[in-house]
């Protein structure tokens, strides 16, 4: 997981094991920003930064200019730091950095922030940096991996969080780790060190309803709690901006797709791993499996797809979000 690798890089730097090149690439900008900021803040003292730290932008420089800056010697310091942000703008010529990577300046820490793209591992630059520096790929987490990421990040900071609270944050913020981290930092300002983050805290401080959200709708449907499901859908209909239909449809489609997979499992003890969900939530699938036979689950998935198409204007026009959700519930419960 990128989190473990990022921690290792930061620990190495703290211990004085600083590489001459850090090539930070991948779809998830959170770790790229985090590692580059750590290097920017810690390698040099404030007095040394004035002459020995430079930030360049890919759209404004060439590979030759980067190399020229990297080959400079530090002034009144042991090292200089050169950070290239938005280096993905240099993707057409980035391989030209291979010559420098073969013999990097030992007194320079060159940081390349190559967001949303990655190097071709078969080519020379990637192979060379693996030998002489640090090649870090920041992969985007799947949404079902985010609750565990939240738990681990908070544990590292001395906090805990309930599974439901982690699920609420994920549902509301998705897999944008920067957004998730911002909300976690807000909560940390409010609660005492070592405290547990609960759904109540999230509702009070982030504005996500602990009773009327997609997670609770999924649970109500799984439990066949018809009254609760309709009350949540009614709330969604009255607050469409905060509860977009596309999010509800995506979550329910994912839930019933996993439920179909659960039905097909011969060894239910492996359900958590097979479905990619926290073991805490397997009980929800066990209950839903009793309430919805395999054939019914297949039909429900078809109904959800139909609602998704209608919400996009296919086969229907100008139908209110609330009406589409109520229609979906009718087909699920009947």
C-alpha atoms as a PDB file:
ATOM      1  CA  UNK A   1       0.000   0.000   0.000  1.00  0.00           C
ATOM      2  CA  UNK A   2       1.315   3.534  -0.796  1.00  0.00           C
ATOM      3  CA  UNK A   3       0.816   4.524   2.848  1.00  0.00           C
ATOM      4  CA  UNK A   4       3.427   1.996   4.045  1.00  0.00           C
ATOM      5  CA  UNK A   5       5.920   2.962   1.345  1.00  0.00           C
ATOM      6  CA  UNK A   6       5.440   6.678   2.041  1.00  0.00           C
ATOM      7  CA  UNK A   7       6.067   6.076   5.760  1.00  0.00           C
ATOM      8  CA  UNK A   8       9.270   4.186   4.915  1.00  0.00           C
ATOM      9  CA  UNK A   9      10.530   7.035   2.716  1.00  0.00           C
ATOM     10  CA  UNK A  10       9.835   9.619   5.420  1.00  0.00           C
ATOM     11  CA  UNK A  11      11.423   7.452   8.129  1.00  0.00           C
ATOM     12  CA  UNK A  12      14.551   6.985   5.996  1.00  0.00           C
ATOM     13  CA  UNK A  13      14.847  10.743   5.483  1.00  0.00           C
ATOM     14  CA  UNK A  14      14.438  11.356   9.228  1.00  0.00           C
ATOM     15  CA  UNK A  15      17.234   8.854   9.832  1.00  0.00           C
ATOM     16  CA  UNK A  16      19.531  10.670   7.420  1.00  0.00           C
ATOM     17  CA  UNK A  17      19.196   8.231   4.531  1.00  0.00           C
ATOM     18  CA  UNK A  18      18.439  10.842   1.857  1.00  0.00           C
ATOM     19  CA  UNK A  19      18.416   9.816  -1.809  1.00  0.00           C
ATOM     20  CA  UNK A  20      19.665  12.147  -4.588  1.00  0.00           C
ATOM     21  CA  UNK A  21      16.475  11.653  -6.631  1.00  0.00           C
ATOM     22  CA  UNK A  22      12.833  11.171  -5.608  1.00  0.00           C
ATOM     23  CA  UNK A  23      10.585  10.480  -8.564  1.00  0.00           C
ATOM     24  CA  UNK A  24       7.021  10.652  -7.222  1.00  0.00           C
ATOM     25  CA  UNK A  25       4.425   9.515  -9.745  1.00  0.00           C
ATOM     26  CA  UNK A  26       0.894   8.144  -9.987  1.00  0.00           C
ATOM     27  CA  UNK A  27      -2.826   8.797  -9.911  1.00  0.00           C
ATOM     28  CA  UNK A  28      -3.090   9.741  -6.220  1.00  0.00           C
ATOM     29  CA  UNK A  29      -1.682  13.245  -5.567  1.00  0.00           C
ATOM     30  CA  UNK A  30      -2.013  12.995  -1.769  1.00  0.00           C
ATOM     31  CA  UNK A  31       1.243  11.081  -1.207  1.00  0.00           C
ATOM     32  CA  UNK A  32       3.125  13.012  -3.880  1.00  0.00           C
ATOM     33  CA  UNK A  33       2.220  16.282  -2.162  1.00  0.00           C
ATOM     34  CA  UNK A  34       2.922  14.827   1.280  1.00  0.00           C
ATOM     35  CA  UNK A  35       6.400  13.467   0.522  1.00  0.00           C
ATOM     36  CA  UNK A  36       7.509  16.525  -1.477  1.00  0.00           C
ATOM     37  CA  UNK A  37       6.259  18.867   1.274  1.00  0.00           C
ATOM     38  CA  UNK A  38       8.106  16.851   3.913  1.00  0.00           C
ATOM     39  CA  UNK A  39      11.347  17.108   1.923  1.00  0.00           C
ATOM     40  CA  UNK A  40      10.798  20.825   1.344  1.00  0.00           C
ATOM     41  CA  UNK A  41      10.221  21.445   5.052  1.00  0.00           C
ATOM     42  CA  UNK A  42      12.885  19.227   6.632  1.00  0.00           C
ATOM     43  CA  UNK A  43      16.037  18.719   4.527  1.00  0.00           C
ATOM     44  CA  UNK A  44      17.303  22.287   4.925  1.00  0.00           C
ATOM     45  CA  UNK A  45      17.158  24.757   7.787  1.00  0.00           C
ATOM     46  CA  UNK A  46      15.319  28.029   7.255  1.00  0.00           C
ATOM     47  CA  UNK A  47      18.649  29.844   6.873  1.00  0.00           C
ATOM     48  CA  UNK A  48      19.831  27.402   4.202  1.00  0.00           C
ATOM     49  CA  UNK A  49      16.647  27.479   2.129  1.00  0.00           C
ATOM     50  CA  UNK A  50      17.166  30.980   0.771  1.00  0.00           C
ATOM     51  CA  UNK A  51      20.128  29.987  -1.411  1.00  0.00           C
ATOM     52  CA  UNK A  52      19.681  26.243  -1.657  1.00  0.00           C
ATOM     53  CA  UNK A  53      16.030  25.450  -2.292  1.00  0.00           C
ATOM     54  CA  UNK A  54      14.313  26.038  -5.606  1.00  0.00           C
ATOM     55  CA  UNK A  55      10.841  25.116  -6.861  1.00  0.00           C
ATOM     56  CA  UNK A  56      10.355  24.717 -10.621  1.00  0.00           C
ATOM     57  CA  UNK A  57       7.200  23.992 -12.640  1.00  0.00           C
ATOM     58  CA  UNK A  58       7.093  21.541 -15.525  1.00  0.00           C
ATOM     59  CA  UNK A  59       5.254  23.906 -17.853  1.00  0.00           C
ATOM     60  CA  UNK A  60       7.961  26.565 -17.427  1.00  0.00           C
ATOM     61  CA  UNK A  61      11.186  24.561 -17.703  1.00  0.00           C
ATOM     62  CA  UNK A  62      12.968  22.019 -19.867  1.00  0.00           C
ATOM     63  CA  UNK A  63      14.802  18.877 -18.786  1.00  0.00           C
ATOM     64  CA  UNK A  64      18.103  20.659 -19.535  1.00  0.00           C
ATOM     65  CA  UNK A  65      17.181  23.496 -17.161  1.00  0.00           C
ATOM     66  CA  UNK A  66      16.261  21.004 -14.433  1.00  0.00           C
ATOM     67  CA  UNK A  67      19.591  19.227 -14.860  1.00  0.00           C
ATOM     68  CA  UNK A  68      21.461  22.530 -14.858  1.00  0.00           C
ATOM     69  CA  UNK A  69      19.860  23.481 -11.524  1.00  0.00           C
ATOM     70  CA  UNK A  70      20.456  20.011 -10.101  1.00  0.00           C
ATOM     71  CA  UNK A  71      24.185  20.144 -10.959  1.00  0.00           C
ATOM     72  CA  UNK A  72      24.757  23.341  -8.996  1.00  0.00           C
ATOM     73  CA  UNK A  73      26.664  23.100  -5.731  1.00  0.00           C
ATOM     74  CA  UNK A  74      25.010  24.203  -2.496  1.00  0.00           C
ATOM     75  CA  UNK A  75      26.025  27.494  -0.872  1.00  0.00           C
ATOM     76  CA  UNK A  76      27.038  27.307   2.796  1.00  0.00           C
ATOM     77  CA  UNK A  77      25.088  24.073   3.225  1.00  0.00           C
ATOM     78  CA  UNK A  78      25.634  20.363   2.780  1.00  0.00           C
ATOM     79  CA  UNK A  79      22.790  19.949   0.312  1.00  0.00           C
ATOM     80  CA  UNK A  80      20.458  21.805  -2.027  1.00  0.00           C
ATOM     81  CA  UNK A  81      16.852  20.831  -2.801  1.00  0.00           C
ATOM     82  CA  UNK A  82      15.323  21.134  -6.287  1.00  0.00           C
ATOM     83  CA  UNK A  83      11.598  20.401  -6.495  1.00  0.00           C
ATOM     84  CA  UNK A  84       9.879  20.108  -9.876  1.00  0.00           C
ATOM     85  CA  UNK A  85       6.109  20.404  -9.547  1.00  0.00           C
ATOM     86  CA  UNK A  86       3.629  19.433 -12.295  1.00  0.00           C
ATOM     87  CA  UNK A  87       6.436  17.494 -13.987  1.00  0.00           C
ATOM     88  CA  UNK A  88       3.826  15.537 -15.945  1.00  0.00           C
ATOM     89  CA  UNK A  89       3.837  18.516 -18.325  1.00  0.00           C
ATOM     90  CA  UNK A  90       7.270  17.240 -19.402  1.00  0.00           C
ATOM     91  CA  UNK A  91       6.037  13.726 -20.229  1.00  0.00           C
ATOM     92  CA  UNK A  92       7.229  13.925 -23.861  1.00  0.00           C
ATOM     93  CA  UNK A  93      10.834  14.592 -22.875  1.00  0.00           C
ATOM     94  CA  UNK A  94      11.030  13.091 -19.381  1.00  0.00           C
ATOM     95  CA  UNK A  95      13.208  10.177 -20.559  1.00  0.00           C
ATOM     96  CA  UNK A  96      15.965  12.746 -21.254  1.00  0.00           C
ATOM     97  CA  UNK A  97      16.466  12.860 -17.482  1.00  0.00           C
ATOM     98  CA  UNK A  98      17.991   9.348 -17.606  1.00  0.00           C
ATOM     99  CA  UNK A  99      21.526  10.605 -18.232  1.00  0.00           C
ATOM    100  CA  UNK A 100      21.457  12.720 -15.059  1.00  0.00           C
ATOM    101  CA  UNK A 101      19.818   9.891 -13.103  1.00  0.00           C
ATOM    102  CA  UNK A 102      22.744   7.609 -13.939  1.00  0.00           C
ATOM    103  CA  UNK A 103      25.153   9.939 -12.148  1.00  0.00           C
ATOM    104  CA  UNK A 104      23.178  12.344  -9.943  1.00  0.00           C
ATOM    105  CA  UNK A 105      24.819  15.152  -8.023  1.00  0.00           C
ATOM    106  CA  UNK A 106      25.310  13.728  -4.494  1.00  0.00           C
ATOM    107  CA  UNK A 107      24.788  17.121  -2.823  1.00  0.00           C
ATOM    108  CA  UNK A 108      21.423  17.680  -4.567  1.00  0.00           C
ATOM    109  CA  UNK A 109      18.033  16.290  -3.592  1.00  0.00           C
ATOM    110  CA  UNK A 110      15.997  16.358  -6.796  1.00  0.00           C
ATOM    111  CA  UNK A 111      12.255  15.808  -6.311  1.00  0.00           C
ATOM    112  CA  UNK A 112      10.111  15.180  -9.397  1.00  0.00           C
ATOM    113  CA  UNK A 113       6.328  15.435  -8.832  1.00  0.00           C
ATOM    114  CA  UNK A 114       4.825  13.532 -11.773  1.00  0.00           C
ATOM    115  CA  UNK A 115       1.103  13.491 -10.972  1.00  0.00           C
ATOM    116  CA  UNK A 116      -1.612  11.430 -12.689  1.00  0.00           C
ATOM    117  CA  UNK A 117       0.943   9.633 -14.869  1.00  0.00           C
ATOM    118  CA  UNK A 118       3.737   7.117 -14.403  1.00  0.00           C
ATOM    119  CA  UNK A 119       6.978   6.171 -16.103  1.00  0.00           C
ATOM    120  CA  UNK A 120       7.218   3.191 -18.396  1.00  0.00           C
ATOM    121  CA  UNK A 121       8.961   0.629 -16.184  1.00  0.00           C
ATOM    122  CA  UNK A 122      10.583  -0.952 -19.244  1.00  0.00           C
ATOM    123  CA  UNK A 123      12.448   2.210 -20.186  1.00  0.00           C
ATOM    124  CA  UNK A 124      15.809   3.486 -19.007  1.00  0.00           C
ATOM    125  CA  UNK A 125      14.723   6.307 -16.687  1.00  0.00           C
ATOM    126  CA  UNK A 126      12.587   4.128 -14.409  1.00  0.00           C
ATOM    127  CA  UNK A 127      15.239   1.402 -14.251  1.00  0.00           C
ATOM    128  CA  UNK A 128      17.991   3.915 -13.491  1.00  0.00           C
ATOM    129  CA  UNK A 129      16.110   5.754 -10.731  1.00  0.00           C
ATOM    130  CA  UNK A 130      15.398   2.433  -9.017  1.00  0.00           C
ATOM    131  CA  UNK A 131      19.155   1.989  -8.740  1.00  0.00           C
ATOM    132  CA  UNK A 132      20.270   5.518  -7.828  1.00  0.00           C
ATOM    133  CA  UNK A 133      17.216   7.088  -6.176  1.00  0.00           C
ATOM    134  CA  UNK A 134      13.635   6.459  -5.094  1.00  0.00           C
ATOM    135  CA  UNK A 135      10.887   5.618  -7.593  1.00  0.00           C
ATOM    136  CA  UNK A 136       7.544   5.916  -5.808  1.00  0.00           C
ATOM    137  CA  UNK A 137       4.180   5.148  -7.381  1.00  0.00           C
ATOM    138  CA  UNK A 138       1.195   6.693  -5.638  1.00  0.00           C
ATOM    139  CA  UNK A 139      -1.707   4.465  -6.630  1.00  0.00           C
ATOM    140  CA  UNK A 140      -5.324   5.560  -6.302  1.00  0.00           C
ATOM    141  CA  UNK A 141      -7.175   3.607  -3.630  1.00  0.00           C
ATOM    142  CA  UNK A 142     -10.401   1.840  -4.477  1.00  0.00           C
ATOM    143  CA  UNK A 143     -13.294   3.258  -2.497  1.00  0.00           C
ATOM    144  CA  UNK A 144     -13.662   0.058  -0.479  1.00  0.00           C
ATOM    145  CA  UNK A 145     -10.056   0.512   0.722  1.00  0.00           C
ATOM    146  CA  UNK A 146     -10.630   4.028   2.068  1.00  0.00           C
ATOM    147  CA  UNK A 147     -12.285   3.131   5.430  1.00  0.00           C
ATOM    148  CA  UNK A 148      -9.270   0.997   6.374  1.00  0.00           C
ATOM    149  CA  UNK A 149      -6.946   3.822   5.219  1.00  0.00           C
ATOM    150  CA  UNK A 150      -8.834   6.260   7.475  1.00  0.00           C
ATOM    151  CA  UNK A 151      -8.502   3.857  10.401  1.00  0.00           C
ATOM    152  CA  UNK A 152      -4.752   3.416   9.855  1.00  0.00           C
ATOM    153  CA  UNK A 153      -4.046   7.128   9.382  1.00  0.00           C
ATOM    154  CA  UNK A 154      -5.937   7.998  12.572  1.00  0.00           C
ATOM    155  CA  UNK A 155      -4.221   5.203  14.500  1.00  0.00           C
ATOM    156  CA  UNK A 156      -0.873   6.728  13.510  1.00  0.00           C
ATOM    157  CA  UNK A 157      -2.055  10.017  15.003  1.00  0.00           C
ATOM    158  CA  UNK A 158      -3.370   8.440  18.208  1.00  0.00           C
ATOM    159  CA  UNK A 159      -7.102   8.377  17.404  1.00  0.00           C
ATOM    160  CA  UNK A 160      -9.693   5.696  16.677  1.00  0.00           C
ATOM    161  CA  UNK A 161     -12.848   5.701  14.566  1.00  0.00           C
ATOM    162  CA  UNK A 162     -15.909   3.475  14.478  1.00  0.00           C
ATOM    163  CA  UNK A 163     -16.478   1.439  11.282  1.00  0.00           C
ATOM    164  CA  UNK A 164     -19.743   3.264  10.612  1.00  0.00           C
ATOM    165  CA  UNK A 165     -18.067   6.679  10.957  1.00  0.00           C
ATOM    166  CA  UNK A 166     -15.304   5.647   8.532  1.00  0.00           C
ATOM    167  CA  UNK A 167     -17.938   4.415   6.089  1.00  0.00           C
ATOM    168  CA  UNK A 168     -19.873   7.701   6.357  1.00  0.00           C
ATOM    169  CA  UNK A 169     -16.755   9.720   5.515  1.00  0.00           C
ATOM    170  CA  UNK A 170     -15.966   7.457   2.567  1.00  0.00           C
ATOM    171  CA  UNK A 171     -19.492   7.659   1.207  1.00  0.00           C
ATOM    172  CA  UNK A 172     -19.504  11.450   1.497  1.00  0.00           C
ATOM    173  CA  UNK A 173     -15.940  12.169   0.277  1.00  0.00           C
ATOM    174  CA  UNK A 174     -15.138   9.179  -1.939  1.00  0.00           C
ATOM    175  CA  UNK A 175     -11.504   8.196  -2.519  1.00  0.00           C
ATOM    176  CA  UNK A 176     -10.081  11.724  -2.697  1.00  0.00           C
ATOM    177  CA  UNK A 177      -7.543  11.276   0.103  1.00  0.00           C
ATOM    178  CA  UNK A 178      -6.713  14.989   0.295  1.00  0.00           C
ATOM    179  CA  UNK A 179     -10.362  15.828   1.016  1.00  0.00           C
ATOM    180  CA  UNK A 180     -10.648  12.988   3.515  1.00  0.00           C
ATOM    181  CA  UNK A 181      -7.473  14.107   5.300  1.00  0.00           C
ATOM    182  CA  UNK A 182      -8.702  17.712   5.482  1.00  0.00           C
ATOM    183  CA  UNK A 183     -11.883  16.590   7.241  1.00  0.00           C
ATOM    184  CA  UNK A 184      -9.915  14.346   9.601  1.00  0.00           C
ATOM    185  CA  UNK A 185      -7.678  17.269  10.538  1.00  0.00           C
ATOM    186  CA  UNK A 186     -10.750  19.391  11.292  1.00  0.00           C
ATOM    187  CA  UNK A 187     -12.071  16.685  13.607  1.00  0.00           C
ATOM    188  CA  UNK A 188      -8.688  16.397  15.334  1.00  0.00           C
ATOM    189  CA  UNK A 189      -8.866  20.088  16.242  1.00  0.00           C
ATOM    190  CA  UNK A 190     -12.156  19.465  18.045  1.00  0.00           C
ATOM    191  CA  UNK A 191     -11.576  16.208  19.902  1.00  0.00           C
ATOM    192  CA  UNK A 192      -9.050  15.258  22.558  1.00  0.00           C
ATOM    193  CA  UNK A 193      -5.998  13.143  21.658  1.00  0.00           C
ATOM    194  CA  UNK A 194      -6.838   9.462  21.894  1.00  0.00           C
ATOM    195  CA  UNK A 195     -10.578  10.038  21.485  1.00  0.00           C
ATOM    196  CA  UNK A 196     -12.806   8.022  19.152  1.00  0.00           C
ATOM    197  CA  UNK A 197     -14.472   9.579  16.122  1.00  0.00           C
ATOM    198  CA  UNK A 198     -18.143   8.589  16.022  1.00  0.00           C
ATOM    199  CA  UNK A 199     -21.044   9.123  13.591  1.00  0.00           C
ATOM    200  CA  UNK A 200     -22.399  11.748  16.024  1.00  0.00           C
ATOM    201  CA  UNK A 201     -19.163  13.748  15.830  1.00  0.00           C
ATOM    202  CA  UNK A 202     -19.219  13.616  12.038  1.00  0.00           C
ATOM    203  CA  UNK A 203     -22.851  14.710  11.891  1.00  0.00           C
ATOM    204  CA  UNK A 204     -22.232  17.642  14.248  1.00  0.00           C
ATOM    205  CA  UNK A 205     -18.989  18.881  12.672  1.00  0.00           C
ATOM    206  CA  UNK A 206     -18.980  17.857   9.006  1.00  0.00           C
ATOM    207  CA  UNK A 207     -22.681  18.041   8.250  1.00  0.00           C
ATOM    208  CA  UNK A 208     -23.283  14.445   7.184  1.00  0.00           C
ATOM    209  CA  UNK A 209     -26.523  13.087   8.632  1.00  0.00           C
ATOM    210  CA  UNK A 210     -25.884   9.916  10.640  1.00  0.00           C
ATOM    211  CA  UNK A 211     -29.457   8.707  10.059  1.00  0.00           C
ATOM    212  CA  UNK A 212     -30.210   9.868   6.512  1.00  0.00           C
ATOM    213  CA  UNK A 213     -27.356   8.829   4.249  1.00  0.00           C
ATOM    214  CA  UNK A 214     -26.631   6.204   1.610  1.00  0.00           C
ATOM    215  CA  UNK A 215     -25.011   3.880   4.123  1.00  0.00           C
ATOM    216  CA  UNK A 216     -28.173   3.853   6.242  1.00  0.00           C
ATOM    217  CA  UNK A 217     -30.327   3.404   3.125  1.00  0.00           C
ATOM    218  CA  UNK A 218     -28.245   0.380   2.136  1.00  0.00           C
ATOM    219  CA  UNK A 219     -28.686  -1.070   5.625  1.00  0.00           C
ATOM    220  CA  UNK A 220     -32.443  -0.429   5.626  1.00  0.00           C
ATOM    221  CA  UNK A 221     -32.814  -2.163   2.264  1.00  0.00           C
ATOM    222  CA  UNK A 222     -30.610  -5.063   3.371  1.00  0.00           C
ATOM    223  CA  UNK A 223     -32.719  -5.490   6.508  1.00  0.00           C
ATOM    224  CA  UNK A 224     -35.966  -5.042   4.501  1.00  0.00           C
ATOM    225  CA  UNK A 225     -36.875  -2.158   6.819  1.00  0.00           C
ATOM    226  CA  UNK A 226     -39.356  -0.657   4.358  1.00  0.00           C
ATOM    227  CA  UNK A 227     -40.486   2.240   6.558  1.00  0.00           C
ATOM    228  CA  UNK A 228     -36.917   3.399   7.247  1.00  0.00           C
ATOM    229  CA  UNK A 229     -35.884   3.054   3.598  1.00  0.00           C
ATOM    230  CA  UNK A 230     -38.792   5.204   2.414  1.00  0.00           C
ATOM    231  CA  UNK A 231     -38.137   7.857   5.063  1.00  0.00           C
ATOM    232  CA  UNK A 232     -34.484   8.115   3.929  1.00  0.00           C
ATOM    233  CA  UNK A 233     -35.522   8.340   0.273  1.00  0.00           C
ATOM    234  CA  UNK A 234     -38.023  11.066   1.198  1.00  0.00           C
ATOM    235  CA  UNK A 235     -35.199  12.985   2.906  1.00  0.00           C
ATOM    236  CA  UNK A 236     -33.046  12.580  -0.216  1.00  0.00           C
ATOM    237  CA  UNK A 237     -35.898  13.906  -2.370  1.00  0.00           C
ATOM    238  CA  UNK A 238     -36.107  17.017  -0.181  1.00  0.00           C
ATOM    239  CA  UNK A 239     -32.315  17.516  -0.187  1.00  0.00           C
ATOM    240  CA  UNK A 240     -31.211  16.477  -3.710  1.00  0.00           C
ATOM    241  CA  UNK A 241     -28.082  18.674  -3.780  1.00  0.00           C
ATOM    242  CA  UNK A 242     -26.609  16.986  -0.714  1.00  0.00           C
ATOM    243  CA  UNK A 243     -27.732  13.518  -1.801  1.00  0.00           C
ATOM    244  CA  UNK A 244     -27.183  13.172  -5.562  1.00  0.00           C
ATOM    245  CA  UNK A 245     -28.920  10.239  -7.197  1.00  0.00           C
ATOM    246  CA  UNK A 246     -25.760   9.115  -8.974  1.00  0.00           C
ATOM    247  CA  UNK A 247     -24.075   8.401  -5.614  1.00  0.00           C
ATOM    248  CA  UNK A 248     -27.043   6.433  -4.296  1.00  0.00           C
ATOM    249  CA  UNK A 249     -27.335   4.360  -7.457  1.00  0.00           C
ATOM    250  CA  UNK A 250     -23.590   3.614  -7.485  1.00  0.00           C
ATOM    251  CA  UNK A 251     -23.570   2.516  -3.834  1.00  0.00           C
ATOM    252  CA  UNK A 252     -26.623   0.252  -4.183  1.00  0.00           C
ATOM    253  CA  UNK A 253     -25.287  -1.250  -7.408  1.00  0.00           C
ATOM    254  CA  UNK A 254     -22.019  -2.037  -5.634  1.00  0.00           C
ATOM    255  CA  UNK A 255     -23.858  -3.509  -2.626  1.00  0.00           C
ATOM    256  CA  UNK A 256     -26.086  -5.841  -4.649  1.00  0.00           C
ATOM    257  CA  UNK A 257     -23.215  -6.834  -6.951  1.00  0.00           C
ATOM    258  CA  UNK A 258     -21.241  -7.903  -3.868  1.00  0.00           C
ATOM    259  CA  UNK A 259     -24.345  -9.620  -2.478  1.00  0.00           C
ATOM    260  CA  UNK A 260     -24.616 -11.627  -5.700  1.00  0.00           C
ATOM    261  CA  UNK A 261     -20.964 -12.598  -5.296  1.00  0.00           C
ATOM    262  CA  UNK A 262     -21.625 -13.523  -1.640  1.00  0.00           C
ATOM    263  CA  UNK A 263     -24.404 -15.890  -2.713  1.00  0.00           C
ATOM    264  CA  UNK A 264     -22.009 -17.596  -5.134  1.00  0.00           C
ATOM    265  CA  UNK A 265     -19.266 -18.171  -2.548  1.00  0.00           C
ATOM    266  CA  UNK A 266     -18.799 -21.777  -1.535  1.00  0.00           C
ATOM    267  CA  UNK A 267     -16.690 -20.782   1.482  1.00  0.00           C
ATOM    268  CA  UNK A 268     -18.479 -17.960   3.279  1.00  0.00           C
ATOM    269  CA  UNK A 269     -15.643 -17.678   5.824  1.00  0.00           C
ATOM    270  CA  UNK A 270     -13.603 -16.003   3.056  1.00  0.00           C
ATOM    271  CA  UNK A 271     -16.339 -13.453   2.317  1.00  0.00           C
ATOM    272  CA  UNK A 272     -14.473 -10.415   3.655  1.00  0.00           C
ATOM    273  CA  UNK A 273     -11.482 -11.040   1.389  1.00  0.00           C
ATOM    274  CA  UNK A 274     -13.579 -12.071  -1.623  1.00  0.00           C
ATOM    275  CA  UNK A 275     -15.873  -9.040  -1.425  1.00  0.00           C
ATOM    276  CA  UNK A 276     -13.180  -6.570  -0.422  1.00  0.00           C
ATOM    277  CA  UNK A 277     -15.103  -5.319   2.620  1.00  0.00           C
ATOM    278  CA  UNK A 278     -14.261  -4.828   6.277  1.00  0.00           C
ATOM    279  CA  UNK A 279     -15.094  -7.990   8.293  1.00  0.00           C
ATOM    280  CA  UNK A 280     -17.282  -5.795  10.512  1.00  0.00           C
ATOM    281  CA  UNK A 281     -19.771  -5.380   7.645  1.00  0.00           C
ATOM    282  CA  UNK A 282     -20.043  -9.047   6.620  1.00  0.00           C
ATOM    283  CA  UNK A 283     -23.026  -9.419   8.947  1.00  0.00           C
ATOM    284  CA  UNK A 284     -24.899  -6.955   6.691  1.00  0.00           C
ATOM    285  CA  UNK A 285     -24.358  -9.266   3.719  1.00  0.00           C
ATOM    286  CA  UNK A 286     -25.368 -12.327   5.731  1.00  0.00           C
ATOM    287  CA  UNK A 287     -28.665 -10.687   6.649  1.00  0.00           C
ATOM    288  CA  UNK A 288     -29.298  -9.344   3.140  1.00  0.00           C
ATOM    289  CA  UNK A 289     -28.588 -12.793   1.658  1.00  0.00           C
ATOM    290  CA  UNK A 290     -31.376 -14.235   3.816  1.00  0.00           C
ATOM    291  CA  UNK A 291     -33.750 -11.484   2.699  1.00  0.00           C
ATOM    292  CA  UNK A 292     -32.886 -11.558  -1.010  1.00  0.00           C
ATOM    293  CA  UNK A 293     -32.354 -14.883  -2.826  1.00  0.00           C
ATOM    294  CA  UNK A 294     -29.808 -15.005  -5.635  1.00  0.00           C
ATOM    295  CA  UNK A 295     -32.435 -14.744  -8.388  1.00  0.00           C
ATOM    296  CA  UNK A 296     -34.005 -11.692  -6.732  1.00  0.00           C
ATOM    297  CA  UNK A 297     -30.583 -10.020  -6.397  1.00  0.00           C
ATOM    298  CA  UNK A 298     -29.991 -10.439 -10.139  1.00  0.00           C
ATOM    299  CA  UNK A 299     -33.356  -8.815 -10.858  1.00  0.00           C
ATOM    300  CA  UNK A 300     -32.599  -5.933  -8.463  1.00  0.00           C
ATOM    301  CA  UNK A 301     -29.311  -5.218 -10.227  1.00  0.00           C
ATOM    302  CA  UNK A 302     -31.303  -4.934 -13.458  1.00  0.00           C
ATOM    303  CA  UNK A 303     -33.741  -2.505 -11.799  1.00  0.00           C
ATOM    304  CA  UNK A 304     -30.877  -0.353 -10.502  1.00  0.00           C
ATOM    305  CA  UNK A 305     -29.377  -0.174 -13.997  1.00  0.00           C
ATOM    306  CA  UNK A 306     -32.778   0.861 -15.330  1.00  0.00           C
ATOM    307  CA  UNK A 307     -33.033   3.690 -12.782  1.00  0.00           C
ATOM    308  CA  UNK A 308     -29.504   4.794 -13.676  1.00  0.00           C
ATOM    309  CA  UNK A 309     -30.462   5.015 -17.357  1.00  0.00           C
ATOM    310  CA  UNK A 310     -33.664   6.915 -16.575  1.00  0.00           C
ATOM    311  CA  UNK A 311     -31.735   9.386 -14.420  1.00  0.00           C
ATOM    312  CA  UNK A 312     -29.668  10.150 -17.515  1.00  0.00           C
ATOM    313  CA  UNK A 313     -32.763  10.743 -19.634  1.00  0.00           C
ATOM    314  CA  UNK A 314     -32.775   7.382 -21.427  1.00  0.00           C
ATOM    315  CA  UNK A 315     -36.314   6.035 -21.756  1.00  0.00           C
ATOM    316  CA  UNK A 316     -37.718   8.757 -19.522  1.00  0.00           C
ATOM    317  CA  UNK A 317     -37.662  12.525 -19.306  1.00  0.00           C
ATOM    318  CA  UNK A 318     -37.942  15.039 -16.467  1.00  0.00           C
ATOM    319  CA  UNK A 319     -38.569  12.496 -13.724  1.00  0.00           C
ATOM    320  CA  UNK A 320     -37.774  13.846 -10.270  1.00  0.00           C
ATOM    321  CA  UNK A 321     -34.950  12.193  -8.327  1.00  0.00           C
ATOM    322  CA  UNK A 322     -37.293  11.301  -5.475  1.00  0.00           C
ATOM    323  CA  UNK A 323     -39.740   9.586  -7.832  1.00  0.00           C
ATOM    324  CA  UNK A 324     -36.960   7.495  -9.370  1.00  0.00           C
ATOM    325  CA  UNK A 325     -35.757   6.418  -5.936  1.00  0.00           C
ATOM    326  CA  UNK A 326     -39.284   5.476  -4.834  1.00  0.00           C
ATOM    327  CA  UNK A 327     -39.769   3.504  -8.046  1.00  0.00           C
ATOM    328  CA  UNK A 328     -36.513   1.677  -7.327  1.00  0.00           C
ATOM    329  CA  UNK A 329     -37.622   0.804  -3.792  1.00  0.00           C
ATOM    330  CA  UNK A 330     -40.939  -0.554  -5.065  1.00  0.00           C
ATOM    331  CA  UNK A 331     -39.092  -2.915  -7.404  1.00  0.00           C
ATOM    332  CA  UNK A 332     -36.568  -3.927  -4.745  1.00  0.00           C
ATOM    333  CA  UNK A 333     -39.135  -4.726  -2.054  1.00  0.00           C
ATOM    334  CA  UNK A 334     -41.742  -6.390  -4.317  1.00  0.00           C
END
